[in-house]
Amino acid sequence: MIICLYIDDLLIFGINFEGIQETKKYLTSQLETKDMNKVDTILGIKVNKHSEGYALSQSHYISKVLDKFKHLGIKEANTPYTTSMKLVQNIGRAMAQIEYVVPLEV
C-alpha cells in the first residue's frame, strides 16, 4: 500500500483492498476525513484507469493556464525541434537529476 499526502489531500492505493479499508478506518478514527471513493483528480492531476493501469494527465490544468493568459495576446508557436526525435536514457555524466535527454544531431 502507498499513501500519498500533501497538506490536506490524501491518496491511498495498493493491491490489498482490505488493508486499504483498515487504513481508511484508522485514519477516520484519528482525523476528520472525507472519503471521495475512487480518485478522479488529485493536486490538479487527472487520473484515468484503463485496462493496462492508470494514466495521469494535466491537460485540463494546462488549458486553464492558457485561458488565463489569453488576454496577453500570446500566440502559439511550433515546437523548436523535430517531433520525430526520440528521448534516450542519459548514460553520460549526471545532469542535475535529468534522467532523459534529447540526443544531439551531429
PDB file of N, CA and C in Angstrom:
ATOM      1  N   MET A   1       0.843  -1.168   0.000  1.00  0.00           N
ATOM      2  CA  MET A   1       0.000   0.000   0.000  1.00  0.00           C
ATOM      3  C   MET A   1       0.891   1.235   0.000  1.00  0.00           C
ATOM      4  N   ILE A   2       0.447   2.244  -0.721  1.00  0.00           N
ATOM      5  CA  ILE A   2       1.159   3.524  -0.775  1.00  0.00           C
ATOM      6  C   ILE A   2       0.182   4.617  -0.358  1.00  0.00           C
ATOM      7  N   ILE A   3       0.652   5.498   0.519  1.00  0.00           N
ATOM      8  CA  ILE A   3      -0.154   6.639   0.950  1.00  0.00           C
ATOM      9  C   ILE A   3       0.559   7.908   0.493  1.00  0.00           C
ATOM     10  N   CYS A   4      -0.120   8.703  -0.300  1.00  0.00           N
ATOM     11  CA  CYS A   4       0.414   9.988  -0.764  1.00  0.00           C
ATOM     12  C   CYS A   4      -0.328  11.084  -0.006  1.00  0.00           C
ATOM     13  N   LEU A   5       0.418  11.960   0.626  1.00  0.00           N
ATOM     14  CA  LEU A   5      -0.181  13.025   1.425  1.00  0.00           C
ATOM     15  C   LEU A   5       0.450  14.355   1.062  1.00  0.00           C
ATOM     16  N   TYR A   6      -0.404  15.340   0.773  1.00  0.00           N
ATOM     17  CA  TYR A   6       0.060  16.701   0.537  1.00  0.00           C
ATOM     18  C   TYR A   6      -0.921  17.638   1.230  1.00  0.00           C
ATOM     19  N   ILE A   7      -0.503  18.247   2.299  1.00  0.00           N
ATOM     20  CA  ILE A   7      -1.296  19.132   3.146  1.00  0.00           C
ATOM     21  C   ILE A   7      -2.576  18.428   3.579  1.00  0.00           C
ATOM     22  N   ASP A   8      -3.704  18.671   2.909  1.00  0.00           N
ATOM     23  CA  ASP A   8      -4.939  18.002   3.310  1.00  0.00           C
ATOM     24  C   ASP A   8      -5.496  17.095   2.209  1.00  0.00           C
ATOM     25  N   ASP A   9      -4.693  16.778   1.220  1.00  0.00           N
ATOM     26  CA  ASP A   9      -5.085  15.831   0.173  1.00  0.00           C
ATOM     27  C   ASP A   9      -4.365  14.517   0.424  1.00  0.00           C
ATOM     28  N   LEU A  10      -5.118  13.434   0.418  1.00  0.00           N
ATOM     29  CA  LEU A  10      -4.571  12.120   0.726  1.00  0.00           C
ATOM     30  C   LEU A  10      -5.033  11.134  -0.326  1.00  0.00           C
ATOM     31  N   LEU A  11      -4.116  10.325  -0.807  1.00  0.00           N
ATOM     32  CA  LEU A  11      -4.433   9.285  -1.781  1.00  0.00           C
ATOM     33  C   LEU A  11      -3.843   7.985  -1.263  1.00  0.00           C
ATOM     34  N   ILE A  12      -4.674   6.964  -1.162  1.00  0.00           N
ATOM     35  CA  ILE A  12      -4.227   5.646  -0.711  1.00  0.00           C
ATOM     36  C   ILE A  12      -4.454   4.683  -1.863  1.00  0.00           C
ATOM     37  N   PHE A  13      -3.405   3.929  -2.237  1.00  0.00           N
ATOM     38  CA  PHE A  13      -3.613   2.909  -3.258  1.00  0.00           C
ATOM     39  C   PHE A  13      -2.734   1.704  -3.002  1.00  0.00           C
ATOM     40  N   GLY A  14      -3.199   0.583  -3.515  1.00  0.00           N
ATOM     41  CA  GLY A  14      -2.483  -0.671  -3.324  1.00  0.00           C
ATOM     42  C   GLY A  14      -3.294  -1.828  -3.876  1.00  0.00           C
ATOM     43  N   ILE A  15      -2.807  -3.030  -3.661  1.00  0.00           N
ATOM     44  CA  ILE A  15      -3.499  -4.205  -4.201  1.00  0.00           C
ATOM     45  C   ILE A  15      -4.284  -4.961  -3.136  1.00  0.00           C
ATOM     46  N   ASN A  16      -4.145  -4.584  -1.863  1.00  0.00           N
ATOM     47  CA  ASN A  16      -4.857  -5.243  -0.769  1.00  0.00           C
ATOM     48  C   ASN A  16      -6.031  -4.367  -0.343  1.00  0.00           C
ATOM     49  N   PHE A  17      -7.214  -4.668  -0.871  1.00  0.00           N
ATOM     50  CA  PHE A  17      -8.394  -3.841  -0.610  1.00  0.00           C
ATOM     51  C   PHE A  17      -8.724  -3.793   0.879  1.00  0.00           C
ATOM     52  N   GLU A  18      -8.614  -4.940   1.560  1.00  0.00           N
ATOM     53  CA  GLU A  18      -8.927  -4.980   2.993  1.00  0.00           C
ATOM     54  C   GLU A  18      -7.961  -4.096   3.782  1.00  0.00           C
ATOM     55  N   GLY A  19      -6.692  -4.119   3.396  1.00  0.00           N
ATOM     56  CA  GLY A  19      -5.701  -3.270   4.061  1.00  0.00           C
ATOM     57  C   GLY A  19      -5.998  -1.797   3.862  1.00  0.00           C
ATOM     58  N   ILE A  20      -6.427  -1.447   2.667  1.00  0.00           N
ATOM     59  CA  ILE A  20      -6.792  -0.056   2.378  1.00  0.00           C
ATOM     60  C   ILE A  20      -7.976   0.358   3.244  1.00  0.00           C
ATOM     61  N   GLN A  21      -8.972  -0.519   3.342  1.00  0.00           N
ATOM     62  CA  GLN A  21     -10.162  -0.218   4.151  1.00  0.00           C
ATOM     63  C   GLN A  21      -9.790  -0.036   5.630  1.00  0.00           C
ATOM     64  N   GLU A  22      -8.905  -0.900   6.142  1.00  0.00           N
ATOM     65  CA  GLU A  22      -8.468  -0.783   7.534  1.00  0.00           C
ATOM     66  C   GLU A  22      -7.706   0.525   7.762  1.00  0.00           C
ATOM     67  N   THR A  23      -6.875   0.891   6.813  1.00  0.00           N
ATOM     68  CA  THR A  23      -6.119   2.140   6.922  1.00  0.00           C
ATOM     69  C   THR A  23      -7.069   3.328   6.931  1.00  0.00           C
ATOM     70  N   LYS A  24      -8.054   3.321   6.039  1.00  0.00           N
ATOM     71  CA  LYS A  24      -9.041   4.402   5.992  1.00  0.00           C
ATOM     72  C   LYS A  24      -9.820   4.474   7.306  1.00  0.00           C
ATOM     73  N   LYS A  25     -10.180   3.303   7.844  1.00  0.00           N
ATOM     74  CA  LYS A  25     -10.920   3.245   9.103  1.00  0.00           C
ATOM     75  C   LYS A  25     -10.082   3.847  10.235  1.00  0.00           C
ATOM     76  N   TYR A  26      -8.790   3.498  10.278  1.00  0.00           N
ATOM     77  CA  TYR A  26      -7.909   4.038  11.307  1.00  0.00           C
ATOM     78  C   TYR A  26      -7.756   5.552  11.161  1.00  0.00           C
ATOM     79  N   LEU A  27      -7.498   6.015   9.958  1.00  0.00           N
ATOM     80  CA  LEU A  27      -7.321   7.450   9.736  1.00  0.00           C
ATOM     81  C   LEU A  27      -8.576   8.232  10.115  1.00  0.00           C
ATOM     82  N   THR A  28      -9.741   7.674   9.797  1.00  0.00           N
ATOM     83  CA  THR A  28     -11.013   8.322  10.131  1.00  0.00           C
ATOM     84  C   THR A  28     -11.205   8.400  11.645  1.00  0.00           C
ATOM     85  N   SER A  29     -10.676   7.399  12.370  1.00  0.00           N
ATOM     86  CA  SER A  29     -10.797   7.426  13.833  1.00  0.00           C
ATOM     87  C   SER A  29      -9.867   8.467  14.459  1.00  0.00           C
ATOM     88  N   GLN A  30      -8.806   8.858  13.751  1.00  0.00           N
ATOM     89  CA  GLN A  30      -7.828   9.792  14.289  1.00  0.00           C
ATOM     90  C   GLN A  30      -7.983  11.217  13.762  1.00  0.00           C
ATOM     91  N   LEU A  31      -8.542  11.345  12.549  1.00  0.00           N
ATOM     92  CA  LEU A  31      -8.625  12.637  11.876  1.00  0.00           C
ATOM     93  C   LEU A  31     -10.017  12.851  11.304  1.00  0.00           C
ATOM     94  N   GLU A  32     -10.332  14.109  11.039  1.00  0.00           N
ATOM     95  CA  GLU A  32     -11.576  14.406  10.331  1.00  0.00           C
ATOM     96  C   GLU A  32     -11.302  14.176   8.841  1.00  0.00           C
ATOM     97  N   THR A  33     -11.994  13.216   8.251  1.00  0.00           N
ATOM     98  CA  THR A  33     -11.731  12.878   6.847  1.00  0.00           C
ATOM     99  C   THR A  33     -13.026  12.865   6.050  1.00  0.00           C
ATOM    100  N   LYS A  34     -12.867  12.947   4.754  1.00  0.00           N
ATOM    101  CA  LYS A  34     -13.986  12.821   3.828  1.00  0.00           C
ATOM    102  C   LYS A  34     -13.540  11.852   2.743  1.00  0.00           C
ATOM    103  N   ASP A  35     -14.212  10.713   2.639  1.00  0.00           N
ATOM    104  CA  ASP A  35     -13.846   9.696   1.657  1.00  0.00           C
ATOM    105  C   ASP A  35     -14.479  10.035   0.316  1.00  0.00           C
ATOM    106  N   MET A  36     -13.639  10.291  -0.678  1.00  0.00           N
ATOM    107  CA  MET A  36     -14.118  10.632  -2.007  1.00  0.00           C
ATOM    108  C   MET A  36     -14.214   9.390  -2.902  1.00  0.00           C
ATOM    109  N   ASN A  37     -13.992   8.212  -2.319  1.00  0.00           N
ATOM    110  CA  ASN A  37     -14.015   6.935  -3.037  1.00  0.00           C
ATOM    111  C   ASN A  37     -12.955   6.908  -4.133  1.00  0.00           C
ATOM    112  N   LYS A  38     -13.348   6.567  -5.351  1.00  0.00           N
ATOM    113  CA  LYS A  38     -12.357   6.453  -6.425  1.00  0.00           C
ATOM    114  C   LYS A  38     -11.813   7.816  -6.812  1.00  0.00           C
ATOM    115  N   VAL A  39     -10.511   7.860  -7.069  1.00  0.00           N
ATOM    116  CA  VAL A  39      -9.850   9.119  -7.398  1.00  0.00           C
ATOM    117  C   VAL A  39     -10.193   9.546  -8.833  1.00  0.00           C
ATOM    118  N   ASP A  40     -10.474  10.822  -8.991  1.00  0.00           N
ATOM    119  CA  ASP A  40     -10.706  11.413 -10.309  1.00  0.00           C
ATOM    120  C   ASP A  40      -9.596  12.418 -10.606  1.00  0.00           C
ATOM    121  N   THR A  41      -9.347  13.279  -9.628  1.00  0.00           N
ATOM    122  CA  THR A  41      -8.306  14.298  -9.746  1.00  0.00           C
ATOM    123  C   THR A  41      -7.666  14.483  -8.384  1.00  0.00           C
ATOM    124  N   ILE A  42      -6.346  14.602  -8.361  1.00  0.00           N
ATOM    125  CA  ILE A  42      -5.643  14.920  -7.119  1.00  0.00           C
ATOM    126  C   ILE A  42      -4.506  15.881  -7.440  1.00  0.00           C
ATOM    127  N   LEU A  43      -4.457  16.972  -6.701  1.00  0.00           N
ATOM    128  CA  LEU A  43      -3.436  18.013  -6.887  1.00  0.00           C
ATOM    129  C   LEU A  43      -3.363  18.493  -8.333  1.00  0.00           C
ATOM    130  N   GLY A  44      -4.521  18.612  -8.980  1.00  0.00           N
ATOM    131  CA  GLY A  44      -4.564  19.097 -10.355  1.00  0.00           C
ATOM    132  C   GLY A  44      -4.171  18.061 -11.394  1.00  0.00           C
ATOM    133  N   ILE A  45      -4.005  16.810 -10.966  1.00  0.00           N
ATOM    134  CA  ILE A  45      -3.633  15.744 -11.893  1.00  0.00           C
ATOM    135  C   ILE A  45      -4.848  14.843 -12.094  1.00  0.00           C
ATOM    136  N   LYS A  46      -5.281  14.709 -13.337  1.00  0.00           N
ATOM    137  CA  LYS A  46      -6.408  13.861 -13.688  1.00  0.00           C
ATOM    138  C   LYS A  46      -5.932  12.413 -13.714  1.00  0.00           C
ATOM    139  N   VAL A  47      -6.676  11.504 -13.079  1.00  0.00           N
ATOM    140  CA  VAL A  47      -6.317  10.088 -13.003  1.00  0.00           C
ATOM    141  C   VAL A  47      -7.371   9.290 -13.755  1.00  0.00           C
ATOM    142  N   ASN A  48      -6.935   8.564 -14.790  1.00  0.00           N
ATOM    143  CA  ASN A  48      -7.844   7.734 -15.571  1.00  0.00           C
ATOM    144  C   ASN A  48      -7.386   6.287 -15.526  1.00  0.00           C
ATOM    145  N   LYS A  49      -8.293   5.392 -15.146  1.00  0.00           N
ATOM    146  CA  LYS A  49      -7.970   3.964 -15.111  1.00  0.00           C
ATOM    147  C   LYS A  49      -8.311   3.356 -16.464  1.00  0.00           C
ATOM    148  N   HIS A  50      -7.419   2.474 -16.952  1.00  0.00           N
ATOM    149  CA  HIS A  50      -7.686   1.739 -18.185  1.00  0.00           C
ATOM    150  C   HIS A  50      -7.189   0.306 -17.997  1.00  0.00           C
ATOM    151  N   SER A  51      -7.328  -0.510 -19.002  1.00  0.00           N
ATOM    152  CA  SER A  51      -7.034  -1.939 -18.876  1.00  0.00           C
ATOM    153  C   SER A  51      -5.585  -2.241 -18.501  1.00  0.00           C
ATOM    154  N   GLU A  52      -4.655  -1.372 -18.857  1.00  0.00           N
ATOM    155  CA  GLU A  52      -3.243  -1.632 -18.581  1.00  0.00           C
ATOM    156  C   GLU A  52      -2.732  -0.912 -17.327  1.00  0.00           C
ATOM    157  N   GLY A  53      -3.575  -0.180 -16.652  1.00  0.00           N
ATOM    158  CA  GLY A  53      -3.145   0.534 -15.451  1.00  0.00           C
ATOM    159  C   GLY A  53      -3.818   1.884 -15.351  1.00  0.00           C
ATOM    160  N   TYR A  54      -3.042   2.898 -15.042  1.00  0.00           N
ATOM    161  CA  TYR A  54      -3.557   4.244 -14.863  1.00  0.00           C
ATOM    162  C   TYR A  54      -2.809   5.226 -15.760  1.00  0.00           C
ATOM    163  N   ALA A  55      -3.508   6.263 -16.182  1.00  0.00           N
ATOM    164  CA  ALA A  55      -2.896   7.336 -16.964  1.00  0.00           C
ATOM    165  C   ALA A  55      -3.073   8.627 -16.175  1.00  0.00           C
ATOM    166  N   LEU A  56      -2.011   9.405 -16.059  1.00  0.00           N
ATOM    167  CA  LEU A  56      -2.048  10.687 -15.362  1.00  0.00           C
ATOM    168  C   LEU A  56      -1.922  11.802 -16.382  1.00  0.00           C
ATOM    169  N   SER A  57      -2.722  12.850 -16.213  1.00  0.00           N
ATOM    170  CA  SER A  57      -2.710  13.929 -17.188  1.00  0.00           C
ATOM    171  C   SER A  57      -2.974  15.265 -16.504  1.00  0.00           C
ATOM    172  N   GLN A  58      -2.334  16.305 -17.009  1.00  0.00           N
ATOM    173  CA  GLN A  58      -2.607  17.658 -16.533  1.00  0.00           C
ATOM    174  C   GLN A  58      -3.119  18.543 -17.666  1.00  0.00           C
ATOM    175  N   SER A  59      -3.676  17.930 -18.705  1.00  0.00           N
ATOM    176  CA  SER A  59      -4.121  18.703 -19.864  1.00  0.00           C
ATOM    177  C   SER A  59      -5.197  19.728 -19.486  1.00  0.00           C
ATOM    178  N   HIS A  60      -6.108  19.384 -18.570  1.00  0.00           N
ATOM    179  CA  HIS A  60      -7.137  20.350 -18.173  1.00  0.00           C
ATOM    180  C   HIS A  60      -6.516  21.536 -17.436  1.00  0.00           C
ATOM    181  N   TYR A  61      -5.481  21.297 -16.663  1.00  0.00           N
ATOM    182  CA  TYR A  61      -4.786  22.376 -15.957  1.00  0.00           C
ATOM    183  C   TYR A  61      -4.059  23.279 -16.952  1.00  0.00           C
ATOM    184  N   ILE A  62      -3.427  22.681 -17.933  1.00  0.00           N
ATOM    185  CA  ILE A  62      -2.727  23.453 -18.963  1.00  0.00           C
ATOM    186  C   ILE A  62      -3.726  24.333 -19.711  1.00  0.00           C
ATOM    187  N   SER A  63      -4.888  23.791 -20.027  1.00  0.00           N
ATOM    188  CA  SER A  63      -5.932  24.573 -20.711  1.00  0.00           C
ATOM    189  C   SER A  63      -6.358  25.769 -19.858  1.00  0.00           C
ATOM    190  N   LYS A  64      -6.513  25.542 -18.540  1.00  0.00           N
ATOM    191  CA  LYS A  64      -6.892  26.650 -17.652  1.00  0.00           C
ATOM    192  C   LYS A  64      -5.828  27.739 -17.637  1.00  0.00           C
ATOM    193  N   VAL A  65      -4.563  27.343 -17.602  1.00  0.00           N
ATOM    194  CA  VAL A  65      -3.474  28.331 -17.598  1.00  0.00           C
ATOM    195  C   VAL A  65      -3.459  29.103 -18.908  1.00  0.00           C
ATOM    196  N   LEU A  66      -3.620  28.402 -20.032  1.00  0.00           N
ATOM    197  CA  LEU A  66      -3.637  29.072 -21.330  1.00  0.00           C
ATOM    198  C   LEU A  66      -4.801  30.048 -21.425  1.00  0.00           C
ATOM    199  N   ASP A  67      -5.986  29.632 -20.954  1.00  0.00           N
ATOM    200  CA  ASP A  67      -7.145  30.530 -20.969  1.00  0.00           C
ATOM    201  C   ASP A  67      -6.893  31.771 -20.109  1.00  0.00           C
ATOM    202  N   LYS A  68      -6.232  31.581 -18.975  1.00  0.00           N
ATOM    203  CA  LYS A  68      -5.955  32.686 -18.059  1.00  0.00           C
ATOM    204  C   LYS A  68      -5.094  33.762 -18.719  1.00  0.00           C
ATOM    205  N   PHE A  69      -4.161  33.357 -19.583  1.00  0.00           N
ATOM    206  CA  PHE A  69      -3.227  34.308 -20.166  1.00  0.00           C
ATOM    207  C   PHE A  69      -3.583  34.723 -21.595  1.00  0.00           C
ATOM    208  N   LYS A  70      -4.781  34.378 -22.066  1.00  0.00           N
ATOM    209  CA  LYS A  70      -5.191  34.778 -23.419  1.00  0.00           C
ATOM    210  C   LYS A  70      -5.164  36.290 -23.607  1.00  0.00           C
ATOM    211  N   HIS A  71      -5.508  37.025 -22.571  1.00  0.00           N
ATOM    212  CA  HIS A  71      -5.579  38.488 -22.690  1.00  0.00           C
ATOM    213  C   HIS A  71      -4.216  39.133 -22.944  1.00  0.00           C
ATOM    214  N   LEU A  72      -3.134  38.390 -22.794  1.00  0.00           N
ATOM    215  CA  LEU A  72      -1.811  38.944 -23.045  1.00  0.00           C
ATOM    216  C   LEU A  72      -1.441  38.930 -24.526  1.00  0.00           C
ATOM    217  N   GLY A  73      -2.284  38.348 -25.360  1.00  0.00           N
ATOM    218  CA  GLY A  73      -2.030  38.310 -26.790  1.00  0.00           C
ATOM    219  C   GLY A  73      -0.898  37.366 -27.181  1.00  0.00           C
ATOM    220  N   ILE A  74      -0.668  36.354 -26.376  1.00  0.00           N
ATOM    221  CA  ILE A  74       0.391  35.388 -26.677  1.00  0.00           C
ATOM    222  C   ILE A  74      -0.064  34.512 -27.835  1.00  0.00           C
ATOM    223  N   LYS A  75       0.823  34.303 -28.798  1.00  0.00           N
ATOM    224  CA  LYS A  75       0.486  33.497 -29.965  1.00  0.00           C
ATOM    225  C   LYS A  75       1.117  32.112 -29.847  1.00  0.00           C
ATOM    226  N   GLU A  76       0.472  31.142 -30.486  1.00  0.00           N
ATOM    227  CA  GLU A  76       1.005  29.781 -30.495  1.00  0.00           C
ATOM    228  C   GLU A  76       2.307  29.742 -31.273  1.00  0.00           C
ATOM    229  N   ALA A  77       3.171  28.788 -30.928  1.00  0.00           N
ATOM    230  CA  ALA A  77       4.443  28.611 -31.627  1.00  0.00           C
ATOM    231  C   ALA A  77       4.690  27.119 -31.806  1.00  0.00           C
ATOM    232  N   ASN A  78       5.355  26.783 -32.882  1.00  0.00           N
ATOM    233  CA  ASN A  78       5.702  25.383 -33.106  1.00  0.00           C
ATOM    234  C   ASN A  78       6.794  24.957 -32.141  1.00  0.00           C
ATOM    235  N   THR A  79       6.870  23.659 -31.932  1.00  0.00           N
ATOM    236  CA  THR A  79       7.923  23.097 -31.096  1.00  0.00           C
ATOM    237  C   THR A  79       9.269  23.401 -31.747  1.00  0.00           C
ATOM    238  N   PRO A  80      10.271  23.826 -30.976  1.00  0.00           N
ATOM    239  CA  PRO A  80      11.551  24.233 -31.573  1.00  0.00           C
ATOM    240  C   PRO A  80      12.441  23.074 -32.043  1.00  0.00           C
ATOM    241  N   TYR A  81      11.957  21.874 -32.007  1.00  0.00           N
ATOM    242  CA  TYR A  81      12.737  20.742 -32.515  1.00  0.00           C
ATOM    243  C   TYR A  81      11.803  19.778 -33.210  1.00  0.00           C
ATOM    244  N   THR A  82      12.350  18.900 -33.973  1.00  0.00           N
ATOM    245  CA  THR A  82      11.517  17.950 -34.704  1.00  0.00           C
ATOM    246  C   THR A  82      10.816  16.991 -33.754  1.00  0.00           C
ATOM    247  N   THR A  83       9.536  16.792 -33.948  1.00  0.00           N
ATOM    248  CA  THR A  83       8.766  15.919 -33.065  1.00  0.00           C
ATOM    249  C   THR A  83       9.060  14.444 -33.310  1.00  0.00           C
ATOM    250  N   SER A  84       9.800  14.128 -34.351  1.00  0.00           N
ATOM    251  CA  SER A  84      10.134  12.727 -34.608  1.00  0.00           C
ATOM    252  C   SER A  84      11.320  12.266 -33.761  1.00  0.00           C
ATOM    253  N   MET A  85      11.982  13.204 -33.065  1.00  0.00           N
ATOM    254  CA  MET A  85      13.118  12.856 -32.224  1.00  0.00           C
ATOM    255  C   MET A  85      12.658  12.047 -31.021  1.00  0.00           C
ATOM    256  N   LYS A  86      13.377  10.997 -30.666  1.00  0.00           N
ATOM    257  CA  LYS A  86      13.041  10.159 -29.518  1.00  0.00           C
ATOM    258  C   LYS A  86      14.014  10.442 -28.374  1.00  0.00           C
ATOM    259  N   LEU A  87      13.499  10.415 -27.147  1.00  0.00           N
ATOM    260  CA  LEU A  87      14.357  10.594 -25.988  1.00  0.00           C
ATOM    261  C   LEU A  87      15.118   9.305 -25.721  1.00  0.00           C
ATOM    262  N   VAL A  88      16.336   9.436 -25.271  1.00  0.00           N
ATOM    263  CA  VAL A  88      17.143   8.265 -24.914  1.00  0.00           C
ATOM    264  C   VAL A  88      17.613   8.437 -23.481  1.00  0.00           C
ATOM    265  N   GLN A  89      17.831   7.329 -22.783  1.00  0.00           N
ATOM    266  CA  GLN A  89      18.265   7.402 -21.405  1.00  0.00           C
ATOM    267  C   GLN A  89      19.663   8.010 -21.319  1.00  0.00           C
ATOM    268  N   ASN A  90      19.842   8.886 -20.354  1.00  0.00           N
ATOM    269  CA  ASN A  90      21.130   9.537 -20.151  1.00  0.00           C
ATOM    270  C   ASN A  90      22.097   8.536 -19.530  1.00  0.00           C
ATOM    271  N   ILE A  91      23.121   8.143 -20.271  1.00  0.00           N
ATOM    272  CA  ILE A  91      24.115   7.216 -19.730  1.00  0.00           C
ATOM    273  C   ILE A  91      25.455   7.921 -19.522  1.00  0.00           C
ATOM    274  N   GLY A  92      25.460   9.209 -19.702  1.00  0.00           N
ATOM    275  CA  GLY A  92      26.674  10.015 -19.500  1.00  0.00           C
ATOM    276  C   GLY A  92      26.758  10.490 -18.066  1.00  0.00           C
ATOM    277  N   ARG A  93      27.423  11.611 -17.860  1.00  0.00           N
ATOM    278  CA  ARG A  93      27.571  12.150 -16.510  1.00  0.00           C
ATOM    279  C   ARG A  93      26.230  12.682 -15.996  1.00  0.00           C
ATOM    280  N   ALA A  94      26.114  12.761 -14.689  1.00  0.00           N
ATOM    281  CA  ALA A  94      24.878  13.237 -14.058  1.00  0.00           C
ATOM    282  C   ALA A  94      24.591  14.666 -14.484  1.00  0.00           C
ATOM    283  N   MET A  95      23.316  14.953 -14.755  1.00  0.00           N
ATOM    284  CA  MET A  95      22.927  16.286 -15.202  1.00  0.00           C
ATOM    285  C   MET A  95      21.789  16.813 -14.338  1.00  0.00           C
ATOM    286  N   ALA A  96      22.080  17.122 -13.084  1.00  0.00           N
ATOM    287  CA  ALA A  96      21.089  17.723 -12.183  1.00  0.00           C
ATOM    288  C   ALA A  96      19.774  16.957 -12.194  1.00  0.00           C
ATOM    289  N   GLN A  97      19.851  15.660 -11.996  1.00  0.00           N
ATOM    290  CA  GLN A  97      18.711  14.768 -11.880  1.00  0.00           C
ATOM    291  C   GLN A  97      17.905  14.611 -13.161  1.00  0.00           C
ATOM    292  N   ILE A  98      18.475  14.964 -14.314  1.00  0.00           N
ATOM    293  CA  ILE A  98      17.786  14.745 -15.574  1.00  0.00           C
ATOM    294  C   ILE A  98      18.024  13.297 -15.994  1.00  0.00           C
ATOM    295  N   GLU A  99      16.954  12.528 -16.141  1.00  0.00           N
ATOM    296  CA  GLU A  99      17.122  11.121 -16.490  1.00  0.00           C
ATOM    297  C   GLU A  99      17.161  10.916 -17.988  1.00  0.00           C
ATOM    298  N   TYR A 100      16.428  11.730 -18.724  1.00  0.00           N
ATOM    299  CA  TYR A 100      16.380  11.568 -20.178  1.00  0.00           C
ATOM    300  C   TYR A 100      16.801  12.852 -20.860  1.00  0.00           C
ATOM    301  N   VAL A 101      17.460  12.714 -21.968  1.00  0.00           N
ATOM    302  CA  VAL A 101      17.920  13.889 -22.720  1.00  0.00           C
ATOM    303  C   VAL A 101      17.591  13.705 -24.200  1.00  0.00           C
ATOM    304  N   VAL A 102      17.505  14.806 -24.912  1.00  0.00           N
ATOM    305  CA  VAL A 102      17.310  14.754 -26.357  1.00  0.00           C
ATOM    306  C   VAL A 102      18.685  14.581 -26.983  1.00  0.00           C
ATOM    307  N   PRO A 103      18.879  13.543 -27.816  1.00  0.00           N
ATOM    308  CA  PRO A 103      20.199  13.348 -28.420  1.00  0.00           C
ATOM    309  C   PRO A 103      20.497  14.473 -29.403  1.00  0.00           C
ATOM    310  N   LEU A 104      21.716  14.933 -29.394  1.00  0.00           N
ATOM    311  CA  LEU A 104      22.129  15.991 -30.319  1.00  0.00           C
ATOM    312  C   LEU A 104      22.438  15.387 -31.670  1.00  0.00           C
ATOM    313  N   GLU A 105      21.974  16.047 -32.724  1.00  0.00           N
ATOM    314  CA  GLU A 105      22.291  15.575 -34.084  1.00  0.00           C
ATOM    315  C   GLU A 105      23.680  16.070 -34.455  1.00  0.00           C
ATOM    316  N   VAL A 106      24.480  15.221 -35.060  1.00  0.00           N
ATOM    317  CA  VAL A 106      25.843  15.603 -35.430  1.00  0.00           C
ATOM    318  C   VAL A 106      25.935  15.800 -36.919  1.00  0.00           C
TER     319      VAL A 106
END
